[in-house]
Amino acid sequence: MARDYDSILQQALELDAVDRAKLVHALAQSLAEEAGLDPEEALDLREETRDRLDENLAKSRAITDARIEAALERARKRRG
C-alpha cells in the first residue's frame, strides 16, 4: 500500500496546484478510512487553516496567470 501512495505522490508533483490539492484531499480521505475514522469528520479544518489554504490557492493562481501572461507577451513580441 505504501508503494501505491509513493507513486500517487510522484504523479502529484506533475499536476497543477488545484489538482494537487484535490489529490491530497482524496488521499487524506483514504488514509482516514484506513485508520477507521469518518473521512469527512477527520478532514474538518480549522477556520484559520481554511483561510490560509484559500490565500495560498489564490497566490498560486495569480502566479500561474502571470506566467501565462508573460509567455503570451513573449510570443506577441516574437511575432512583431
Protein backbone atom coordinates (compact mmCIF):
# COMPACT_ATOMS: atom_id res chain seq x y z
CA MET A 1 0.00 0.00 0.00
CA ALA A 2 2.85 2.42 0.79
CA ARG A 3 4.19 1.88 -2.70
CA ASP A 4 0.82 2.98 -4.14
CA TYR A 5 0.99 6.18 -2.13
CA ASP A 6 4.54 6.83 -3.32
CA SER A 7 3.53 6.53 -6.95
CA ILE A 8 0.47 8.75 -6.38
CA LEU A 9 2.64 11.40 -4.74
CA GLN A 10 5.18 11.25 -7.57
CA GLN A 11 2.39 11.80 -10.08
CA ALA A 12 1.04 14.64 -7.95
CA LEU A 13 4.24 16.59 -8.46
CA GLU A 14 3.36 16.84 -12.15
CA LEU A 15 -0.09 18.36 -11.51
CA ASP A 16 -1.05 21.99 -11.09
CA ALA A 17 -1.84 23.32 -7.61
CA VAL A 18 -5.61 22.82 -7.79
CA ASP A 19 -5.35 19.23 -8.99
CA ARG A 20 -2.67 18.51 -6.36
CA ALA A 21 -5.00 19.83 -3.65
CA LYS A 22 -7.81 17.58 -4.88
CA LEU A 23 -5.48 14.59 -4.95
CA VAL A 24 -4.17 15.28 -1.45
CA HIS A 25 -7.75 15.60 -0.20
CA ALA A 26 -8.69 12.24 -1.74
CA LEU A 27 -5.55 10.66 -0.28
CA ALA A 28 -6.34 12.06 3.17
CA GLN A 29 -9.86 10.64 2.97
CA SER A 30 -8.46 7.25 2.02
CA LEU A 31 -5.99 7.29 4.90
CA ALA A 32 -8.73 8.32 7.34
CA GLU A 33 -10.89 5.42 6.18
CA GLU A 34 -7.99 3.00 6.60
CA ALA A 35 -7.50 4.32 10.13
CA GLY A 36 -11.15 3.65 10.90
CA LEU A 37 -12.12 7.32 11.07
CA ASP A 38 -15.06 9.06 9.47
CA PRO A 39 -13.31 10.68 6.49
CA GLU A 40 -15.45 13.81 6.46
CA GLU A 41 -15.06 14.40 10.18
CA ALA A 42 -11.33 13.66 10.10
CA LEU A 43 -10.81 16.24 7.33
CA ASP A 44 -12.59 19.13 9.01
CA LEU A 45 -10.15 22.03 9.04
CA ARG A 46 -9.96 24.88 11.46
CA GLU A 47 -11.15 28.17 10.03
CA GLU A 48 -7.68 29.73 10.03
CA THR A 49 -6.32 26.72 8.17
CA ARG A 50 -9.04 27.01 5.53
CA ASP A 51 -8.33 30.73 5.20
CA ARG A 52 -4.61 30.10 4.81
CA LEU A 53 -5.26 27.43 2.17
CA ASP A 54 -7.58 29.78 0.29
CA GLU A 55 -4.91 32.51 0.36
CA ASN A 56 -2.24 30.11 -0.88
CA LEU A 57 -4.51 28.89 -3.65
CA ALA A 58 -5.22 32.47 -4.73
CA LYS A 59 -1.47 33.20 -4.78
CA SER A 60 -0.82 30.07 -6.81
CA ARG A 61 -3.47 31.02 -9.34
CA ALA A 62 -2.05 34.55 -9.59
CA ILE A 63 1.45 33.18 -10.20
CA THR A 64 0.14 30.78 -12.85
CA ASP A 65 -1.81 33.59 -14.53
CA ALA A 66 1.29 35.81 -14.50
CA ARG A 67 3.39 33.04 -16.09
CA ILE A 68 0.79 32.53 -18.80
CA GLU A 69 0.59 36.26 -19.46
CA ALA A 70 4.40 36.51 -19.65
CA ALA A 71 4.52 33.63 -22.13
CA LEU A 72 1.83 35.27 -24.25
CA GLU A 73 3.69 38.58 -24.17
CA ARG A 74 6.92 36.91 -25.31
CA ALA A 75 5.02 35.22 -28.14
CA ARG A 76 3.48 38.56 -29.18
CA LYS A 77 6.91 40.22 -29.25
CA ARG A 78 8.33 37.42 -31.41
CA ARG A 79 5.52 37.87 -33.90
CA GLY A 80 6.38 41.52 -34.14
